Amino acid sequence: MANQQASGADLAGYEPTSRPIWIEALFPLDWVALHASPVYYGFGVPRGHGEPVILVPGFLGDDRYLTEMHLWLRRIGYRSYFSGIGRNVDCPELLTQRLIMTIEQAYTDTHQPVTIVGHSLGGMLARAAAHRQADKIKQVITMGSPFRSVRAHPLVLSAANFVRSNIVRDRKQRREVTNSCFTPECSCQFVSTLREHEEQPEQPDMFQRNAIFSKCDGVVDWRSCIEDDTSLNREVTATHIGMAFNPDVYRTVGNLLAGIM
């Protein structure tokens, strides 16, 4: 697999993965396991002390499906924020700008550096926003986020292209987008930020980053969700959708938030 940075705008550059998507039908088991686990009730995970954490939903999702994690973070002592980006189907640059507003609000409220936890495409938005607001960021944790190259199941790619093409058509009629929007030729700041970081890897980040991935992921290829530095990666056993409800993921997030590597 080519080691290249891809963005949520790179629809024409998406590559399919052969992982069977029916695996994702098992995501309710992640939810059941979560509610049966002591982790969900705050046992066996380090407690926070009011540090701000922002949760960012994945493609087609909004903040509501991250409510379980939002409430759990509050139970274990963190000040959790929803992303405020709305439904994650719009231009990634617009969504990143909305996320930056939430980062600024969380930083103003707490006077502490912010951690961003992003699921799937939400993790890519988190990374883009963090690089622009690095002085306000403590760490970025991605969950099943294909930030290396977008390799996903063909059905997911088809759905993404259908949704994006409708958005582009409507916005072109209103002259709100150009012909390069949502293509590999897009040069918006979202794409530029991610590409710049990939092209200059020798520049150290001002914040910690970690990547949570699962080899059971039925939506994206787990190999596109990991860092070159293996010490930054955390493997879990979860479906792609189920990462928002999986006890192994919650335990891992709790440890990373507490600085346990």
C-alpha atoms as a PDB file:
ATOM      1  CA  MET A   1       0.000   0.000   0.000  1.00  0.00           C
ATOM      2  CA  ALA A   2       1.329   3.408  -0.901  1.00  0.00           C
ATOM      3  CA  ASN A   3       2.237   5.560   2.080  1.00  0.00           C
ATOM      4  CA  GLN A   4       0.273   8.620   1.111  1.00  0.00           C
ATOM      5  CA  GLN A   5      -1.963  11.083   2.913  1.00  0.00           C
ATOM      6  CA  ALA A   6      -5.551  11.099   1.735  1.00  0.00           C
ATOM      7  CA  SER A   7      -8.387  13.359   2.711  1.00  0.00           C
ATOM      8  CA  GLY A   8     -12.123  13.096   2.969  1.00  0.00           C
ATOM      9  CA  ALA A   9     -12.171  15.164  -0.208  1.00  0.00           C
ATOM     10  CA  ASP A  10     -10.224  12.573  -2.212  1.00  0.00           C
ATOM     11  CA  LEU A  11     -13.240  10.670  -3.484  1.00  0.00           C
ATOM     12  CA  ALA A  12     -11.723   9.886  -6.862  1.00  0.00           C
ATOM     13  CA  GLY A  13      -8.637   8.542  -5.074  1.00  0.00           C
ATOM     14  CA  TYR A  14     -10.500   6.136  -2.808  1.00  0.00           C
ATOM     15  CA  GLU A  15      -9.341   2.547  -2.975  1.00  0.00           C
ATOM     16  CA  PRO A  16     -11.590  -0.401  -2.134  1.00  0.00           C
ATOM     17  CA  THR A  17     -10.838  -2.963   0.549  1.00  0.00           C
ATOM     18  CA  SER A  18     -12.004  -6.563   0.277  1.00  0.00           C
ATOM     19  CA  ARG A  19     -12.950  -6.938   3.956  1.00  0.00           C
ATOM     20  CA  PRO A  20     -16.546  -8.308   4.159  1.00  0.00           C
ATOM     21  CA  ILE A  21     -18.900  -5.537   5.168  1.00  0.00           C
ATOM     22  CA  TRP A  22     -21.348  -7.959   6.809  1.00  0.00           C
ATOM     23  CA  ILE A  23     -18.996  -7.872   9.797  1.00  0.00           C
ATOM     24  CA  GLU A  24     -20.501  -4.478  10.615  1.00  0.00           C
ATOM     25  CA  ALA A  25     -23.859  -6.141  11.321  1.00  0.00           C
ATOM     26  CA  LEU A  26     -22.236  -7.377  14.529  1.00  0.00           C
ATOM     27  CA  PHE A  27     -21.817  -3.876  15.979  1.00  0.00           C
ATOM     28  CA  PRO A  28     -24.736  -4.349  18.445  1.00  0.00           C
ATOM     29  CA  LEU A  29     -22.524  -6.922  20.182  1.00  0.00           C
ATOM     30  CA  ASP A  30     -20.048  -4.119  20.896  1.00  0.00           C
ATOM     31  CA  TRP A  31     -22.838  -2.155  22.571  1.00  0.00           C
ATOM     32  CA  VAL A  32     -23.956  -5.144  24.651  1.00  0.00           C
ATOM     33  CA  ALA A  33     -20.374  -5.860  25.698  1.00  0.00           C
ATOM     34  CA  LEU A  34     -19.909  -2.226  26.708  1.00  0.00           C
ATOM     35  CA  HIS A  35     -22.905  -2.218  29.039  1.00  0.00           C
ATOM     36  CA  ALA A  36     -21.789  -5.504  30.577  1.00  0.00           C
ATOM     37  CA  SER A  37     -18.275  -4.210  31.212  1.00  0.00           C
ATOM     38  CA  PRO A  38     -17.075  -2.571  34.459  1.00  0.00           C
ATOM     39  CA  VAL A  39     -15.262  -0.045  32.241  1.00  0.00           C
ATOM     40  CA  TYR A  40     -18.594   1.519  31.277  1.00  0.00           C
ATOM     41  CA  TYR A  41     -19.258   2.308  34.932  1.00  0.00           C
ATOM     42  CA  GLY A  42     -15.829   3.797  35.480  1.00  0.00           C
ATOM     43  CA  PHE A  43     -14.103   0.812  37.049  1.00  0.00           C
ATOM     44  CA  GLY A  44     -10.589  -0.085  35.968  1.00  0.00           C
ATOM     45  CA  VAL A  45      -9.886   3.136  34.072  1.00  0.00           C
ATOM     46  CA  PRO A  46      -7.976   6.215  35.279  1.00  0.00           C
ATOM     47  CA  ARG A  47     -10.085   9.208  36.250  1.00  0.00           C
ATOM     48  CA  GLY A  48      -9.747  12.652  34.760  1.00  0.00           C
ATOM     49  CA  HIS A  49      -9.766  16.002  36.504  1.00  0.00           C
ATOM     50  CA  GLY A  50     -11.915  18.146  34.270  1.00  0.00           C
ATOM     51  CA  GLU A  51      -9.666  18.089  31.207  1.00  0.00           C
ATOM     52  CA  PRO A  52     -11.517  19.016  27.982  1.00  0.00           C
ATOM     53  CA  VAL A  53     -12.199  16.280  25.409  1.00  0.00           C
ATOM     54  CA  ILE A  54     -13.984  16.852  22.085  1.00  0.00           C
ATOM     55  CA  LEU A  55     -15.679  13.960  20.250  1.00  0.00           C
ATOM     56  CA  VAL A  56     -15.937  14.099  16.442  1.00  0.00           C
ATOM     57  CA  PRO A  57     -18.339  11.807  14.508  1.00  0.00           C
ATOM     58  CA  GLY A  58     -17.544   9.894  11.339  1.00  0.00           C
ATOM     59  CA  PHE A  59     -18.908  10.166   7.812  1.00  0.00           C
ATOM     60  CA  LEU A  60     -22.739  10.477   7.624  1.00  0.00           C
ATOM     61  CA  GLY A  61     -22.926  10.641  11.424  1.00  0.00           C
ATOM     62  CA  ASP A  62     -23.614  13.458  13.824  1.00  0.00           C
ATOM     63  CA  ASP A  63     -22.804  14.014  17.482  1.00  0.00           C
ATOM     64  CA  ARG A  64     -25.783  12.022  18.754  1.00  0.00           C
ATOM     65  CA  TYR A  65     -24.316   8.561  18.168  1.00  0.00           C
ATOM     66  CA  LEU A  66     -21.345   9.516  20.365  1.00  0.00           C
ATOM     67  CA  THR A  67     -23.615  10.284  23.330  1.00  0.00           C
ATOM     68  CA  GLU A  68     -22.602   7.053  25.114  1.00  0.00           C
ATOM     69  CA  MET A  69     -18.928   8.021  25.012  1.00  0.00           C
ATOM     70  CA  HIS A  70     -19.739  11.637  25.847  1.00  0.00           C
ATOM     71  CA  LEU A  71     -21.578  10.629  29.041  1.00  0.00           C
ATOM     72  CA  TRP A  72     -18.937   8.031  29.920  1.00  0.00           C
ATOM     73  CA  LEU A  73     -16.164  10.620  29.700  1.00  0.00           C
ATOM     74  CA  ARG A  74     -18.084  12.842  32.063  1.00  0.00           C
ATOM     75  CA  ARG A  75     -18.599   9.947  34.478  1.00  0.00           C
ATOM     76  CA  ILE A  76     -14.858   9.326  34.670  1.00  0.00           C
ATOM     77  CA  GLY A  77     -14.001  12.957  35.304  1.00  0.00           C
ATOM     78  CA  TYR A  78     -13.486  14.694  31.961  1.00  0.00           C
ATOM     79  CA  ARG A  79     -15.253  17.735  30.552  1.00  0.00           C
ATOM     80  CA  SER A  80     -16.611  16.300  27.327  1.00  0.00           C
ATOM     81  CA  TYR A  81     -17.747  18.349  24.341  1.00  0.00           C
ATOM     82  CA  PHE A  82     -19.646  17.407  21.215  1.00  0.00           C
ATOM     83  CA  SER A  83     -17.966  18.568  18.004  1.00  0.00           C
ATOM     84  CA  GLY A  84     -20.674  20.994  16.891  1.00  0.00           C
ATOM     85  CA  ILE A  85     -19.977  20.244  13.212  1.00  0.00           C
ATOM     86  CA  GLY A  86     -23.480  18.982  12.421  1.00  0.00           C
ATOM     87  CA  ARG A  87     -23.836  15.935  10.177  1.00  0.00           C
ATOM     88  CA  ASN A  88     -20.505  14.844   8.743  1.00  0.00           C
ATOM     89  CA  VAL A  89     -21.424  14.983   5.055  1.00  0.00           C
ATOM     90  CA  ASP A  90     -20.374  18.507   4.141  1.00  0.00           C
ATOM     91  CA  CYS A  91     -17.149  19.931   2.755  1.00  0.00           C
ATOM     92  CA  PRO A  92     -14.319  18.824   5.109  1.00  0.00           C
ATOM     93  CA  GLU A  93     -12.940  22.346   5.162  1.00  0.00           C
ATOM     94  CA  LEU A  94     -16.241  23.782   6.400  1.00  0.00           C
ATOM     95  CA  LEU A  95     -16.484  21.029   9.003  1.00  0.00           C
ATOM     96  CA  THR A  96     -12.919  21.692  10.132  1.00  0.00           C
ATOM     97  CA  GLN A  97     -13.712  25.374  10.607  1.00  0.00           C
ATOM     98  CA  ARG A  98     -16.696  24.454  12.793  1.00  0.00           C
ATOM     99  CA  LEU A  99     -14.528  22.079  14.815  1.00  0.00           C
ATOM    100  CA  ILE A 100     -11.962  24.824  15.347  1.00  0.00           C
ATOM    101  CA  MET A 101     -14.703  26.970  16.889  1.00  0.00           C
ATOM    102  CA  THR A 102     -15.446  24.168  19.361  1.00  0.00           C
ATOM    103  CA  ILE A 103     -11.744  23.825  20.177  1.00  0.00           C
ATOM    104  CA  GLU A 104     -11.549  27.530  20.932  1.00  0.00           C
ATOM    105  CA  GLN A 105     -14.662  27.314  23.132  1.00  0.00           C
ATOM    106  CA  ALA A 106     -13.351  24.310  25.087  1.00  0.00           C
ATOM    107  CA  TYR A 107      -9.980  25.994  25.585  1.00  0.00           C
ATOM    108  CA  THR A 108     -11.628  29.218  26.750  1.00  0.00           C
ATOM    109  CA  ASP A 109     -13.916  27.344  29.160  1.00  0.00           C
ATOM    110  CA  THR A 110     -11.220  25.260  30.806  1.00  0.00           C
ATOM    111  CA  HIS A 111      -7.939  27.141  30.197  1.00  0.00           C
ATOM    112  CA  GLN A 112      -6.428  23.727  29.450  1.00  0.00           C
ATOM    113  CA  PRO A 113      -5.119  22.134  26.242  1.00  0.00           C
ATOM    114  CA  VAL A 114      -7.767  20.091  24.466  1.00  0.00           C
ATOM    115  CA  THR A 115      -7.846  16.429  23.468  1.00  0.00           C
ATOM    116  CA  ILE A 116      -9.799  15.496  20.329  1.00  0.00           C
ATOM    117  CA  VAL A 117     -11.143  11.980  19.803  1.00  0.00           C
ATOM    118  CA  GLY A 118     -12.285  11.416  16.216  1.00  0.00           C
ATOM    119  CA  HIS A 119     -14.078   8.407  14.749  1.00  0.00           C
ATOM    120  CA  SER A 120     -13.389   7.465  11.105  1.00  0.00           C
ATOM    121  CA  LEU A 121     -13.505  10.623   8.938  1.00  0.00           C
ATOM    122  CA  GLY A 122     -13.927  12.547  12.195  1.00  0.00           C
ATOM    123  CA  GLY A 123     -10.366  11.586  13.072  1.00  0.00           C
ATOM    124  CA  MET A 124      -9.107  13.178   9.882  1.00  0.00           C
ATOM    125  CA  LEU A 125     -10.999  16.363  10.693  1.00  0.00           C
ATOM    126  CA  ALA A 126      -9.484  16.215  14.184  1.00  0.00           C
ATOM    127  CA  ARG A 127      -5.950  15.991  12.802  1.00  0.00           C
ATOM    128  CA  ALA A 128      -6.514  18.863  10.359  1.00  0.00           C
ATOM    129  CA  ALA A 129      -8.009  21.122  13.030  1.00  0.00           C
ATOM    130  CA  ALA A 130      -5.310  20.215  15.552  1.00  0.00           C
ATOM    131  CA  HIS A 131      -2.492  21.235  13.229  1.00  0.00           C
ATOM    132  CA  ARG A 132      -4.064  24.673  12.867  1.00  0.00           C
ATOM    133  CA  GLN A 133      -4.705  25.057  16.590  1.00  0.00           C
ATOM    134  CA  ALA A 134      -1.628  23.223  17.882  1.00  0.00           C
ATOM    135  CA  ASP A 135      -1.058  25.663  20.753  1.00  0.00           C
ATOM    136  CA  LYS A 136      -4.446  24.658  22.183  1.00  0.00           C
ATOM    137  CA  ILE A 137      -4.171  20.889  21.635  1.00  0.00           C
ATOM    138  CA  LYS A 138      -2.898  18.227  24.040  1.00  0.00           C
ATOM    139  CA  GLN A 139      -3.491  15.157  21.896  1.00  0.00           C
ATOM    140  CA  VAL A 140      -5.481  13.668  19.039  1.00  0.00           C
ATOM    141  CA  ILE A 141      -6.848  10.127  19.246  1.00  0.00           C
ATOM    142  CA  THR A 142      -8.212   8.601  16.034  1.00  0.00           C
ATOM    143  CA  MET A 143     -10.515   5.576  15.948  1.00  0.00           C
ATOM    144  CA  GLY A 144     -10.564   3.704  12.638  1.00  0.00           C
ATOM    145  CA  SER A 145      -9.515   6.827  10.722  1.00  0.00           C
ATOM    146  CA  PRO A 146      -7.953   6.169   7.274  1.00  0.00           C
ATOM    147  CA  PHE A 147      -5.527   9.069   7.341  1.00  0.00           C
ATOM    148  CA  ARG A 148      -2.826   7.298   5.316  1.00  0.00           C
ATOM    149  CA  SER A 149      -4.876   6.421   2.245  1.00  0.00           C
ATOM    150  CA  VAL A 150      -8.616   5.978   2.018  1.00  0.00           C
ATOM    151  CA  ARG A 151      -9.219   2.247   1.508  1.00  0.00           C
ATOM    152  CA  ALA A 152     -12.830   1.302   2.137  1.00  0.00           C
ATOM    153  CA  HIS A 153     -15.432  -1.269   1.176  1.00  0.00           C
ATOM    154  CA  PRO A 154     -16.857  -0.681  -2.347  1.00  0.00           C
ATOM    155  CA  LEU A 155     -20.401  -0.256  -1.000  1.00  0.00           C
ATOM    156  CA  VAL A 156     -19.183   2.449   1.351  1.00  0.00           C
ATOM    157  CA  LEU A 157     -17.329   4.164  -1.474  1.00  0.00           C
ATOM    158  CA  SER A 158     -20.454   4.091  -3.634  1.00  0.00           C
ATOM    159  CA  ALA A 159     -22.551   5.603  -0.867  1.00  0.00           C
ATOM    160  CA  ALA A 160     -19.927   8.280  -0.229  1.00  0.00           C
ATOM    161  CA  ASN A 161     -19.734   9.204  -3.901  1.00  0.00           C
ATOM    162  CA  PHE A 162     -23.527   9.365  -4.167  1.00  0.00           C
ATOM    163  CA  VAL A 163     -23.873  11.669  -1.169  1.00  0.00           C
ATOM    164  CA  ARG A 164     -20.949  13.871  -2.150  1.00  0.00           C
ATOM    165  CA  SER A 165     -22.076  14.179  -5.777  1.00  0.00           C
ATOM    166  CA  ASN A 166     -25.496  15.414  -4.651  1.00  0.00           C
ATOM    167  CA  ILE A 167     -23.871  18.004  -2.409  1.00  0.00           C
ATOM    168  CA  VAL A 168     -21.550  19.166  -5.183  1.00  0.00           C
ATOM    169  CA  ARG A 169     -24.403  19.401  -7.709  1.00  0.00           C
ATOM    170  CA  ASP A 170     -26.541  21.497  -5.368  1.00  0.00           C
ATOM    171  CA  ARG A 171     -23.692  23.776  -4.425  1.00  0.00           C
ATOM    172  CA  LYS A 172     -22.499  24.229  -7.974  1.00  0.00           C
ATOM    173  CA  GLN A 173     -25.949  25.514  -8.804  1.00  0.00           C
ATOM    174  CA  ARG A 174     -25.468  28.082  -6.046  1.00  0.00           C
ATOM    175  CA  ARG A 175     -21.843  28.655  -7.148  1.00  0.00           C
ATOM    176  CA  GLU A 176     -20.565  27.648  -3.698  1.00  0.00           C
ATOM    177  CA  VAL A 177     -18.059  25.050  -4.928  1.00  0.00           C
ATOM    178  CA  THR A 178     -15.589  24.667  -7.779  1.00  0.00           C
ATOM    179  CA  ASN A 179     -14.938  21.757 -10.131  1.00  0.00           C
ATOM    180  CA  SER A 180     -12.043  20.598  -7.948  1.00  0.00           C
ATOM    181  CA  CYS A 181     -14.109  20.260  -4.750  1.00  0.00           C
ATOM    182  CA  PHE A 182     -14.311  16.672  -3.412  1.00  0.00           C
ATOM    183  CA  THR A 183     -11.631  15.484  -5.871  1.00  0.00           C
ATOM    184  CA  PRO A 184      -7.880  14.758  -5.551  1.00  0.00           C
ATOM    185  CA  GLU A 185      -7.264  18.135  -7.214  1.00  0.00           C
ATOM    186  CA  CYS A 186      -8.921  19.963  -4.320  1.00  0.00           C
ATOM    187  CA  SER A 187      -6.556  22.562  -2.860  1.00  0.00           C
ATOM    188  CA  CYS A 188      -8.634  23.792   0.093  1.00  0.00           C
ATOM    189  CA  GLN A 189      -6.925  24.361   3.438  1.00  0.00           C
ATOM    190  CA  PHE A 190      -8.175  21.023   4.831  1.00  0.00           C
ATOM    191  CA  VAL A 191      -6.355  19.073   2.118  1.00  0.00           C
ATOM    192  CA  SER A 192      -3.314  21.353   2.220  1.00  0.00           C
ATOM    193  CA  THR A 193      -2.911  20.919   5.976  1.00  0.00           C
ATOM    194  CA  LEU A 194      -2.910  17.131   5.788  1.00  0.00           C
ATOM    195  CA  ARG A 195      -0.622  17.028   2.747  1.00  0.00           C
ATOM    196  CA  GLU A 196       1.840  19.467   4.291  1.00  0.00           C
ATOM    197  CA  HIS A 197       2.159  17.320   7.402  1.00  0.00           C
ATOM    198  CA  GLU A 198       2.712  14.178   5.304  1.00  0.00           C
ATOM    199  CA  GLU A 199       5.330  15.833   3.111  1.00  0.00           C
ATOM    200  CA  GLN A 200       7.280  17.159   6.113  1.00  0.00           C
ATOM    201  CA  PRO A 201       7.250  14.245   8.575  1.00  0.00           C
ATOM    202  CA  GLU A 202      10.524  15.361  10.151  1.00  0.00           C
ATOM    203  CA  GLN A 203       8.730  18.269  11.815  1.00  0.00           C
ATOM    204  CA  PRO A 204       7.637  17.087  15.272  1.00  0.00           C
ATOM    205  CA  ASP A 205       4.047  17.581  16.334  1.00  0.00           C
ATOM    206  CA  MET A 206       3.306  19.990  19.142  1.00  0.00           C
ATOM    207  CA  PHE A 207       0.759  17.509  20.461  1.00  0.00           C
ATOM    208  CA  GLN A 208       0.542  13.791  21.157  1.00  0.00           C
ATOM    209  CA  ARG A 209      -1.298  11.588  18.679  1.00  0.00           C
ATOM    210  CA  ASN A 210      -2.439   7.973  18.817  1.00  0.00           C
ATOM    211  CA  ALA A 211      -4.279   5.727  16.376  1.00  0.00           C
ATOM    212  CA  ILE A 212      -6.783   3.079  17.459  1.00  0.00           C
ATOM    213  CA  PHE A 213      -7.446   0.441  14.812  1.00  0.00           C
ATOM    214  CA  SER A 214      -9.169  -2.928  14.451  1.00  0.00           C
ATOM    215  CA  LYS A 215      -8.407  -5.797  12.092  1.00  0.00           C
ATOM    216  CA  CYS A 216     -12.133  -6.637  12.333  1.00  0.00           C
ATOM    217  CA  ASP A 217     -12.997  -3.329  10.654  1.00  0.00           C
ATOM    218  CA  GLY A 218     -15.484  -4.042   7.852  1.00  0.00           C
ATOM    219  CA  VAL A 219     -15.562  -0.491   6.463  1.00  0.00           C
ATOM    220  CA  VAL A 220     -11.972   0.710   6.075  1.00  0.00           C
ATOM    221  CA  ASP A 221      -8.688  -1.148   5.705  1.00  0.00           C
ATOM    222  CA  TRP A 222      -7.010  -1.104   9.115  1.00  0.00           C
ATOM    223  CA  ARG A 223      -3.614  -0.642   7.446  1.00  0.00           C
ATOM    224  CA  SER A 224      -4.659   2.843   6.370  1.00  0.00           C
ATOM    225  CA  CYS A 225      -5.451   3.748  10.000  1.00  0.00           C
ATOM    226  CA  ILE A 226      -2.021   3.283  11.587  1.00  0.00           C
ATOM    227  CA  GLU A 227       1.054   5.414  12.141  1.00  0.00           C
ATOM    228  CA  ASP A 228       4.533   4.502  10.905  1.00  0.00           C
ATOM    229  CA  ASP A 229       5.679   4.737  14.531  1.00  0.00           C
ATOM    230  CA  THR A 230       4.161   1.565  15.967  1.00  0.00           C
ATOM    231  CA  SER A 231       4.331   2.957  19.511  1.00  0.00           C
ATOM    232  CA  LEU A 232       1.513   5.331  18.538  1.00  0.00           C
ATOM    233  CA  ASN A 233      -0.866   2.533  17.479  1.00  0.00           C
ATOM    234  CA  ARG A 234      -3.372   0.678  19.654  1.00  0.00           C
ATOM    235  CA  GLU A 235      -5.133  -2.415  18.331  1.00  0.00           C
ATOM    236  CA  VAL A 236      -8.618  -3.295  19.565  1.00  0.00           C
ATOM    237  CA  THR A 237     -11.180  -5.934  18.633  1.00  0.00           C
ATOM    238  CA  ALA A 238     -14.211  -4.058  17.338  1.00  0.00           C
ATOM    239  CA  THR A 239     -16.258  -3.394  14.236  1.00  0.00           C
ATOM    240  CA  HIS A 240     -15.852  -0.014  12.558  1.00  0.00           C
ATOM    241  CA  ILE A 241     -19.259   1.246  13.707  1.00  0.00           C
ATOM    242  CA  GLY A 242     -18.835  -0.467  17.061  1.00  0.00           C
ATOM    243  CA  MET A 243     -15.743   1.540  17.958  1.00  0.00           C
ATOM    244  CA  ALA A 244     -18.146   4.127  19.361  1.00  0.00           C
ATOM    245  CA  PHE A 245     -19.551   1.505  21.769  1.00  0.00           C
ATOM    246  CA  ASN A 246     -16.773  -1.018  22.401  1.00  0.00           C
ATOM    247  CA  PRO A 247     -15.363  -1.579  25.940  1.00  0.00           C
ATOM    248  CA  ASP A 248     -11.877  -2.298  24.596  1.00  0.00           C
ATOM    249  CA  VAL A 249     -11.938   1.052  22.797  1.00  0.00           C
ATOM    250  CA  TYR A 250     -13.225   2.856  25.903  1.00  0.00           C
ATOM    251  CA  ARG A 251     -10.490   1.308  28.044  1.00  0.00           C
ATOM    252  CA  THR A 252      -7.861   2.308  25.489  1.00  0.00           C
ATOM    253  CA  VAL A 253      -9.184   5.873  25.237  1.00  0.00           C
ATOM    254  CA  GLY A 254      -9.247   6.158  29.035  1.00  0.00           C
ATOM    255  CA  ASN A 255      -5.630   5.038  29.303  1.00  0.00           C
ATOM    256  CA  LEU A 256      -4.465   7.361  26.518  1.00  0.00           C
ATOM    257  CA  LEU A 257      -6.243  10.319  28.084  1.00  0.00           C
ATOM    258  CA  ALA A 258      -4.407   9.578  31.325  1.00  0.00           C
ATOM    259  CA  GLY A 259      -1.073   9.367  29.524  1.00  0.00           C
ATOM    260  CA  ILE A 260      -0.723   5.598  29.968  1.00  0.00           C
ATOM    261  CA  MET A 261       1.069   4.427  26.845  1.00  0.00           C
END
